[in-house]
Amino acid sequence: MEFVEVSEGLARILVPKAERIYDAPVFYNPVMVLNRDISTLAVRVLGVQSVLDALSATGVRGIRYALETSTGEVWLNDINENAFRLMVENVRRNTGVDPELGERLAKFRGERLITVTNDDANRIMANSFRHFELVDLDPFGSPVEFLDTVLRSVRRKGFLAVTATDTGVLCGAYKHACRRKYLAEPIRGELCHEAGLRILIGTVARYAAKYDLGVDVILAYYRDHYFRAFLKLKSGARKADDSLGRLGYLWQEENGSFRYGEGFLPDRPGAHGPLWLGPLKNQEFVEDLLSAAGNAPLGDPRETPKFLRVLAMELDVPFFYDTHALARRNGLQVGKLTRIIEELRNSGYHTTRTHFLPTAIKTTAPFEDVMDVLKESQQPI
């Protein structure tokens, strides 16, 4: 393999040189820098003391956890032997410890530990019962095949950080695959990304309930080609029941109006779900991330704080109205988004932009009032 060195946060790592990232023998995606920035900030803010990066590839995420947070134990793992050897080298280059093939546990900065293993992630997690305060799952595609073991590996009041990159499945382009993997009915159209994120969270909540675990979403978002959710586990059958009570279904009409309702089963045809209808963020947590970003060694110091500010300001209600889609569906001309937001606020409704679409709004206004404002704000032809 031929390598190049890249810098990300405090990490300086070797990555395979390749024409396309998917052709490399070990995967490194520079587009995911923001994902890793937010993840590192989350580990820092939460103050967890043991973290597993179950699917490490080059090791950059786990190495950043070791360098940029106070966590006492970081475990990096990958089943790919090329990835394992590269992780060993990258750990050595960044920390000074030497986790050779026969010596996989090394001390770093006093009593802090780094473990590097070449094993199946499910086996690692199954053999680490309730050991980790936070487990990070960032697979290629769906995380579903890892959910049972990750819920055994993480502590009962610990944290999960879960990525799904199978957006086509969760967004309804491959609805049969969504039914198979997530046991849910996806939706196409402008609401697909938020619905896909909520299907992912709902799936984790259903898996967790089997082990008498509930979930709180402390942050979940959609970006580029992936969904990401940070979940806090809650122990007890009643907590599991409470989380299942936040699941429900979505319906959308041809004119763009939608409704959603909680329930174990849908109460009318045409339902999309089951999906999570609870909050997508803990406001204090997001503000703490934004504050921590102010003095953190970020991989993308321009975009990461900007994106966190959008998340912090976004109204946390289920689903949104895409002004372009509403105009198209109802034969209208699109008005200025700033004017639409201003008019709805002047009418007493909480209204913000949303990170899901740059042309969309989250609002407490009913559909009829949104349409009235949309009509009044039309651009002249």
Protein backbone atom coordinates (compact mmCIF):
# COMPACT_ATOMS: atom_id res chain seq x y z
CA MET A 1 0.00 0.00 0.00
CA GLU A 2 1.07 3.56 -0.70
CA PHE A 3 0.15 6.08 1.99
CA VAL A 4 -0.34 9.79 2.45
CA GLU A 5 -0.48 11.66 5.76
CA VAL A 6 -3.58 13.66 6.64
CA SER A 7 -4.28 15.92 9.60
CA GLU A 8 -7.58 15.93 11.47
CA GLY A 9 -7.96 17.62 14.82
CA LEU A 10 -4.84 16.66 16.80
CA ALA A 11 -4.41 13.43 14.86
CA ARG A 12 -1.82 12.93 12.12
CA ILE A 13 -2.60 9.66 10.40
CA LEU A 14 -1.58 7.64 7.40
CA VAL A 15 -4.32 6.75 4.93
CA PRO A 16 -4.06 4.64 1.76
CA LYS A 17 -3.50 6.55 -1.43
CA ALA A 18 -6.22 5.76 -3.98
CA GLU A 19 -8.03 7.36 -6.93
CA ARG A 20 -11.37 6.87 -5.16
CA ILE A 21 -11.92 6.35 -1.43
CA TYR A 22 -13.98 3.22 -2.09
CA ASP A 23 -11.03 1.62 -3.93
CA ALA A 24 -8.68 1.94 -0.96
CA PRO A 25 -7.83 -1.25 0.98
CA VAL A 26 -8.63 0.64 4.21
CA PHE A 27 -11.50 3.11 4.20
CA TYR A 28 -11.03 6.78 5.08
CA ASN A 29 -13.71 9.31 4.15
CA PRO A 30 -12.73 13.00 4.46
CA VAL A 31 -16.40 13.98 4.10
CA MET A 32 -16.98 12.49 7.57
CA VAL A 33 -14.68 14.96 9.30
CA LEU A 34 -17.69 16.87 10.67
CA ASN A 35 -19.16 13.61 11.96
CA ARG A 36 -15.92 12.85 13.79
CA ASP A 37 -15.67 16.43 15.06
CA ILE A 38 -19.11 16.24 16.65
CA SER A 39 -18.42 12.75 17.99
CA THR A 40 -15.19 13.87 19.65
CA LEU A 41 -16.94 16.89 21.13
CA ALA A 42 -19.69 14.58 22.43
CA VAL A 43 -17.20 12.27 24.18
CA ARG A 44 -15.54 15.36 25.63
CA VAL A 45 -18.80 16.91 26.89
CA LEU A 46 -20.23 13.66 28.26
CA GLY A 47 -17.00 12.90 30.12
CA VAL A 48 -17.26 9.15 29.55
CA GLN A 49 -14.28 7.09 30.68
CA SER A 50 -14.45 4.06 28.38
CA VAL A 51 -15.16 4.15 24.64
CA LEU A 52 -15.26 1.47 21.96
CA ASP A 53 -14.86 2.46 18.31
CA ALA A 54 -16.08 -0.88 17.00
CA LEU A 55 -15.40 -0.35 13.28
CA SER A 56 -12.25 1.75 13.27
CA ALA A 57 -10.69 1.41 9.76
CA THR A 58 -7.71 3.82 9.90
CA GLY A 59 -8.30 4.43 13.61
CA VAL A 60 -8.71 8.19 13.22
CA ARG A 61 -11.89 8.43 15.31
CA GLY A 62 -10.53 6.47 18.26
CA ILE A 63 -7.19 8.24 18.07
CA ARG A 64 -8.96 11.58 18.26
CA TYR A 65 -10.87 10.33 21.30
CA ALA A 66 -7.54 9.48 22.92
CA LEU A 67 -5.86 12.78 22.01
CA GLU A 68 -8.71 15.27 22.39
CA THR A 69 -10.79 13.99 25.33
CA SER A 70 -10.16 12.88 28.90
CA THR A 71 -11.54 9.37 28.45
CA GLY A 72 -9.48 6.79 30.33
CA GLU A 73 -9.87 3.86 27.93
CA VAL A 74 -10.19 3.80 24.15
CA TRP A 75 -10.63 0.56 22.26
CA LEU A 76 -10.14 0.47 18.47
CA ASN A 77 -11.20 -2.56 16.47
CA ASP A 78 -11.53 -3.69 12.86
CA ILE A 79 -11.97 -7.10 11.30
CA ASN A 80 -9.85 -6.14 8.27
CA GLU A 81 -6.20 -7.14 8.79
CA ASN A 82 -4.91 -4.26 6.65
CA ALA A 83 -6.95 -1.87 8.76
CA PHE A 84 -5.60 -3.41 11.95
CA ARG A 85 -1.97 -3.00 10.88
CA LEU A 86 -2.65 0.59 9.84
CA MET A 87 -4.36 1.32 13.16
CA VAL A 88 -1.34 -0.01 15.03
CA GLU A 89 0.95 2.28 13.05
CA ASN A 90 -1.34 5.30 13.46
CA VAL A 91 -1.66 4.72 17.21
CA ARG A 92 2.12 4.46 17.47
CA ARG A 93 2.63 7.68 15.48
CA ASN A 94 0.14 9.69 17.53
CA THR A 95 0.55 8.42 21.09
CA GLY A 96 4.00 6.91 21.33
CA VAL A 97 2.59 3.60 22.57
CA ASP A 98 3.44 0.43 20.69
CA PRO A 99 0.42 -1.90 20.45
CA GLU A 100 2.11 -4.71 18.52
CA LEU A 101 0.28 -7.84 17.40
CA GLY A 102 1.04 -9.70 20.60
CA GLU A 103 0.81 -6.67 22.90
CA ARG A 104 -2.51 -5.02 22.14
CA LEU A 105 -3.04 -3.15 25.39
CA ALA A 106 -0.84 -0.11 26.02
CA LYS A 107 -0.72 2.68 28.56
CA PHE A 108 -0.95 6.23 27.28
CA ARG A 109 -0.43 9.30 29.43
CA GLY A 110 -0.36 7.65 32.82
CA GLU A 111 -3.15 5.18 33.47
CA ARG A 112 -5.08 5.79 30.25
CA LEU A 113 -5.34 2.72 28.05
CA ILE A 114 -5.50 2.14 24.30
CA THR A 115 -6.51 -1.26 22.96
CA VAL A 116 -6.20 -2.19 19.28
CA THR A 117 -7.76 -5.44 18.07
CA ASN A 118 -8.30 -7.31 14.80
CA ASP A 119 -11.62 -9.06 15.42
CA ASP A 120 -15.28 -9.26 14.50
CA ALA A 121 -17.09 -6.31 16.08
CA ASN A 122 -20.01 -8.46 17.22
CA ARG A 123 -17.64 -10.85 18.99
CA ILE A 124 -15.79 -7.99 20.71
CA MET A 125 -19.06 -6.49 21.95
CA ALA A 126 -20.59 -9.81 22.99
CA ASN A 127 -17.48 -10.57 25.06
CA SER A 128 -17.44 -7.12 26.71
CA PHE A 129 -20.69 -7.33 28.66
CA ARG A 130 -21.72 -3.92 30.08
CA HIS A 131 -18.10 -2.74 29.89
CA PHE A 132 -18.20 0.51 27.87
CA GLU A 133 -19.75 3.82 28.80
CA LEU A 134 -20.03 4.71 25.11
CA VAL A 135 -19.93 2.55 22.01
CA ASP A 136 -19.53 4.18 18.60
CA LEU A 137 -20.99 2.34 15.60
CA ASP A 138 -20.08 3.85 12.25
CA PRO A 139 -20.55 1.04 9.71
CA PHE A 140 -20.60 0.98 5.95
CA GLY A 141 -24.37 0.79 5.41
CA SER A 142 -26.80 -0.26 8.13
CA PRO A 143 -25.96 -0.66 11.85
CA VAL A 144 -28.78 -3.18 12.38
CA GLU A 145 -26.54 -6.28 12.39
CA PHE A 146 -24.67 -4.84 15.41
CA LEU A 147 -27.58 -3.63 17.56
CA ASP A 148 -28.08 -6.71 19.72
CA THR A 149 -24.43 -7.00 20.71
CA VAL A 150 -23.87 -3.28 21.16
CA LEU A 151 -26.78 -3.19 23.61
CA ARG A 152 -25.05 -5.93 25.61
CA SER A 153 -21.67 -4.21 25.46
CA VAL A 154 -22.68 -0.74 26.63
CA ARG A 155 -23.52 0.00 30.26
CA ARG A 156 -27.20 0.18 31.14
CA LYS A 157 -26.99 3.93 31.65
CA GLY A 158 -24.39 4.46 28.97
CA PHE A 159 -24.43 6.00 25.52
CA LEU A 160 -24.69 4.84 21.91
CA ALA A 161 -23.40 6.81 18.92
CA VAL A 162 -24.91 5.25 15.80
CA THR A 163 -24.40 6.08 12.11
CA ALA A 164 -26.38 4.74 9.16
CA THR A 165 -25.16 5.40 5.63
CA ASP A 166 -27.87 3.38 3.86
CA THR A 167 -29.90 6.52 3.24
CA GLY A 168 -31.48 5.11 0.09
CA VAL A 169 -32.99 2.32 2.19
CA LEU A 170 -34.21 4.56 5.02
CA CYS A 171 -35.50 7.19 2.58
CA GLY A 172 -37.67 4.79 0.62
CA ALA A 173 -35.69 4.29 -2.58
CA TYR A 174 -35.46 0.63 -1.58
CA LYS A 175 -38.57 0.17 0.52
CA HIS A 176 -38.38 -3.62 0.62
CA ALA A 177 -34.87 -3.39 2.09
CA CYS A 178 -36.21 -0.94 4.69
CA ARG A 179 -38.94 -3.40 5.61
CA ARG A 180 -36.40 -6.23 5.93
CA LYS A 181 -33.75 -4.36 7.88
CA TYR A 182 -35.76 -1.88 9.95
CA LEU A 183 -39.24 -3.48 9.93
CA ALA A 184 -40.64 -0.10 8.89
CA GLU A 185 -42.39 1.53 5.96
CA PRO A 186 -40.35 4.48 4.62
CA ILE A 187 -41.63 7.57 2.82
CA ARG A 188 -40.45 9.22 -0.38
CA GLY A 189 -40.45 12.96 -1.03
CA GLU A 190 -39.37 15.96 0.97
CA LEU A 191 -39.93 14.36 4.39
CA CYS A 192 -37.83 11.28 3.65
CA HIS A 193 -34.66 12.34 5.47
CA GLU A 194 -36.29 13.23 8.75
CA ALA A 195 -38.52 10.16 8.53
CA GLY A 196 -35.47 8.00 7.77
CA LEU A 197 -33.64 9.36 10.81
CA ARG A 198 -36.68 8.72 12.98
CA ILE A 199 -37.03 5.16 11.61
CA LEU A 200 -33.40 4.53 12.59
CA ILE A 201 -33.96 5.81 16.14
CA GLY A 202 -37.23 3.89 16.43
CA THR A 203 -35.44 0.71 15.44
CA VAL A 204 -32.79 1.20 18.13
CA ALA A 205 -35.55 1.90 20.67
CA ARG A 206 -37.30 -1.36 19.76
CA TYR A 207 -34.06 -3.36 20.03
CA ALA A 208 -33.25 -1.71 23.37
CA ALA A 209 -36.69 -2.49 24.77
CA LYS A 210 -35.95 -6.23 24.49
CA TYR A 211 -33.30 -5.72 27.17
CA ASP A 212 -35.52 -3.52 29.37
CA LEU A 213 -33.69 -0.40 28.21
CA GLY A 214 -35.20 2.93 27.25
CA VAL A 215 -33.55 5.62 25.14
CA ASP A 216 -33.25 9.40 25.25
CA VAL A 217 -32.09 11.15 22.09
CA ILE A 218 -29.49 13.73 23.05
CA LEU A 219 -28.73 14.59 19.41
CA ALA A 220 -29.75 13.18 16.04
CA TYR A 221 -29.22 14.70 12.61
CA TYR A 222 -28.94 14.12 8.87
CA ARG A 223 -25.89 15.26 6.91
CA ASP A 224 -24.47 14.58 3.44
CA HIS A 225 -25.02 10.84 2.92
CA TYR A 226 -25.65 9.63 6.48
CA PHE A 227 -27.80 9.71 9.61
CA ARG A 228 -26.24 10.08 13.05
CA ALA A 229 -27.81 9.62 16.49
CA PHE A 230 -26.41 9.97 20.02
CA LEU A 231 -28.60 8.09 22.49
CA LYS A 232 -28.53 7.85 26.27
CA LEU A 233 -29.73 4.53 27.63
CA LYS A 234 -32.15 4.33 30.56
CA SER A 235 -32.41 1.16 32.64
CA GLY A 236 -35.69 -0.54 33.47
CA ALA A 237 -38.79 -2.06 31.91
CA ARG A 238 -40.82 1.08 32.59
CA LYS A 239 -38.22 3.21 30.80
CA ALA A 240 -38.38 0.82 27.85
CA ASP A 241 -42.17 1.10 27.80
CA ASP A 242 -41.93 4.90 27.90
CA SER A 243 -39.60 4.88 24.89
CA LEU A 244 -41.87 2.55 22.94
CA GLY A 245 -44.66 4.99 23.73
CA ARG A 246 -42.78 7.64 21.74
CA LEU A 247 -43.03 5.57 18.57
CA GLY A 248 -45.74 6.20 16.02
CA TYR A 249 -46.56 6.84 12.38
CA LEU A 250 -46.58 9.57 9.74
CA TRP A 251 -49.15 10.31 7.04
CA GLN A 252 -48.79 12.85 4.23
CA GLU A 253 -51.41 14.16 1.78
CA GLU A 254 -50.89 15.15 -1.86
CA ASN A 255 -51.06 18.87 -0.98
CA GLY A 256 -48.10 18.49 1.40
CA SER A 257 -49.99 18.51 4.67
CA PHE A 258 -49.02 15.82 7.12
CA ARG A 259 -50.08 14.39 10.42
CA TYR A 260 -48.39 12.04 12.84
CA GLY A 261 -49.54 10.12 15.85
CA GLU A 262 -48.10 7.92 18.55
CA GLY A 263 -49.24 4.33 18.77
CA PHE A 264 -48.05 0.74 18.64
CA LEU A 265 -50.07 0.17 15.44
CA PRO A 266 -51.31 2.71 12.85
CA ASP A 267 -54.95 3.74 13.05
CA ARG A 268 -55.47 4.31 9.31
CA PRO A 269 -54.03 3.15 5.96
CA GLY A 270 -51.04 4.78 4.25
CA ALA A 271 -48.90 4.96 7.39
CA HIS A 272 -45.12 5.38 7.34
CA GLY A 273 -43.22 3.94 10.26
CA PRO A 274 -43.00 2.93 13.01
CA LEU A 275 -40.69 5.82 13.76
CA TRP A 276 -39.50 7.91 16.70
CA LEU A 277 -41.74 10.91 17.45
CA GLY A 278 -39.83 12.17 20.47
CA PRO A 279 -37.21 14.95 20.55
CA LEU A 280 -34.19 14.89 18.26
CA LYS A 281 -31.98 16.81 20.66
CA ASN A 282 -31.30 17.81 24.23
CA GLN A 283 -30.91 21.57 23.98
CA GLU A 284 -28.40 21.86 26.82
CA PHE A 285 -26.24 19.12 25.29
CA VAL A 286 -26.18 20.82 21.87
CA GLU A 287 -25.28 24.15 23.45
CA ASP A 288 -22.49 22.44 25.39
CA LEU A 289 -21.17 20.97 22.12
CA LEU A 290 -21.23 24.40 20.53
CA SER A 291 -19.43 25.91 23.51
CA ALA A 292 -16.80 23.15 23.49
CA ALA A 293 -16.26 23.68 19.76
CA GLY A 294 -15.01 27.18 20.52
CA ASN A 295 -11.68 25.94 21.86
CA ALA A 296 -11.43 22.45 20.38
CA PRO A 297 -8.91 21.28 17.74
CA LEU A 298 -11.53 20.60 15.08
CA GLY A 299 -10.95 18.92 11.75
CA ASP A 300 -13.30 21.43 10.12
CA PRO A 301 -13.19 24.59 12.26
CA ARG A 302 -15.44 26.52 9.87
CA GLU A 303 -18.25 24.08 9.11
CA THR A 304 -18.62 22.19 12.41
CA PRO A 305 -19.53 25.20 14.61
CA LYS A 306 -21.76 26.54 11.82
CA PHE A 307 -23.70 23.27 11.65
CA LEU A 308 -23.98 23.06 15.46
CA ARG A 309 -25.43 26.58 15.54
CA VAL A 310 -28.12 25.51 13.04
CA LEU A 311 -28.95 22.50 15.21
CA ALA A 312 -29.03 24.62 18.37
CA MET A 313 -31.45 27.14 16.83
CA GLU A 314 -33.72 24.60 15.14
CA LEU A 315 -37.23 24.11 16.52
CA ASP A 316 -37.51 20.54 17.81
CA VAL A 317 -40.89 19.36 16.53
CA PRO A 318 -41.60 16.39 14.27
CA PHE A 319 -41.32 17.16 10.56
CA PHE A 320 -41.31 20.31 8.49
CA TYR A 321 -42.72 22.12 5.48
CA ASP A 322 -40.52 22.48 2.42
CA THR A 323 -41.67 25.76 0.87
CA HIS A 324 -40.56 24.72 -2.62
CA ALA A 325 -42.41 21.41 -2.40
CA LEU A 326 -45.56 23.10 -1.06
CA ALA A 327 -45.48 25.65 -3.88
CA ARG A 328 -45.03 22.91 -6.46
CA ARG A 329 -47.76 20.73 -5.01
CA ASN A 330 -50.26 23.60 -4.85
CA GLY A 331 -49.46 25.56 -8.03
CA LEU A 332 -47.88 28.54 -6.27
CA GLN A 333 -44.78 30.67 -6.80
CA VAL A 334 -42.17 30.39 -4.09
CA GLY A 335 -41.84 33.38 -1.79
CA LYS A 336 -38.77 34.39 0.20
CA LEU A 337 -38.10 32.03 3.06
CA THR A 338 -37.11 34.85 5.41
CA ARG A 339 -40.45 36.57 4.82
CA ILE A 340 -42.41 33.35 5.40
CA ILE A 341 -40.58 32.77 8.69
CA GLU A 342 -41.13 36.39 9.76
CA GLU A 343 -44.85 36.32 8.98
CA LEU A 344 -45.40 33.09 10.89
CA ARG A 345 -43.50 34.46 13.87
CA ASN A 346 -45.54 37.65 13.73
CA SER A 347 -48.64 35.45 13.91
CA GLY A 348 -47.37 33.94 17.15
CA TYR A 349 -45.92 30.68 15.86
CA HIS A 350 -42.46 29.37 16.70
CA THR A 351 -40.72 28.99 13.34
CA THR A 352 -37.12 28.25 12.34
CA ARG A 353 -35.07 26.92 9.50
CA THR A 354 -34.14 23.25 9.58
CA HIS A 355 -30.91 21.42 8.83
CA PHE A 356 -32.86 18.82 6.83
CA LEU A 357 -33.47 21.16 3.87
CA PRO A 358 -32.34 24.74 3.18
CA THR A 359 -35.77 25.59 1.70
CA ALA A 360 -37.79 24.20 4.64
CA ILE A 361 -39.19 25.45 7.93
CA LYS A 362 -40.10 23.88 11.24
CA THR A 363 -43.10 25.56 12.79
CA THR A 364 -45.87 25.19 15.33
CA ALA A 365 -48.31 26.69 12.81
CA PRO A 366 -51.05 24.48 11.35
CA PHE A 367 -50.93 23.63 7.66
CA GLU A 368 -53.71 26.08 6.76
CA ASP A 369 -51.84 29.04 8.26
CA VAL A 370 -48.60 28.00 6.57
CA MET A 371 -50.44 27.95 3.24
CA ASP A 372 -51.99 31.38 3.86
CA VAL A 373 -48.56 32.87 4.50
CA LEU A 374 -47.11 31.04 1.51
CA LYS A 375 -49.80 32.52 -0.75
CA GLU A 376 -49.28 36.01 0.60
CA SER A 377 -45.53 35.82 0.10
CA GLN A 378 -45.63 34.64 -3.54
CA GLN A 379 -43.13 36.19 -5.89
CA PRO A 380 -44.79 37.91 -8.87
CA ILE A 381 -44.48 35.95 -12.11
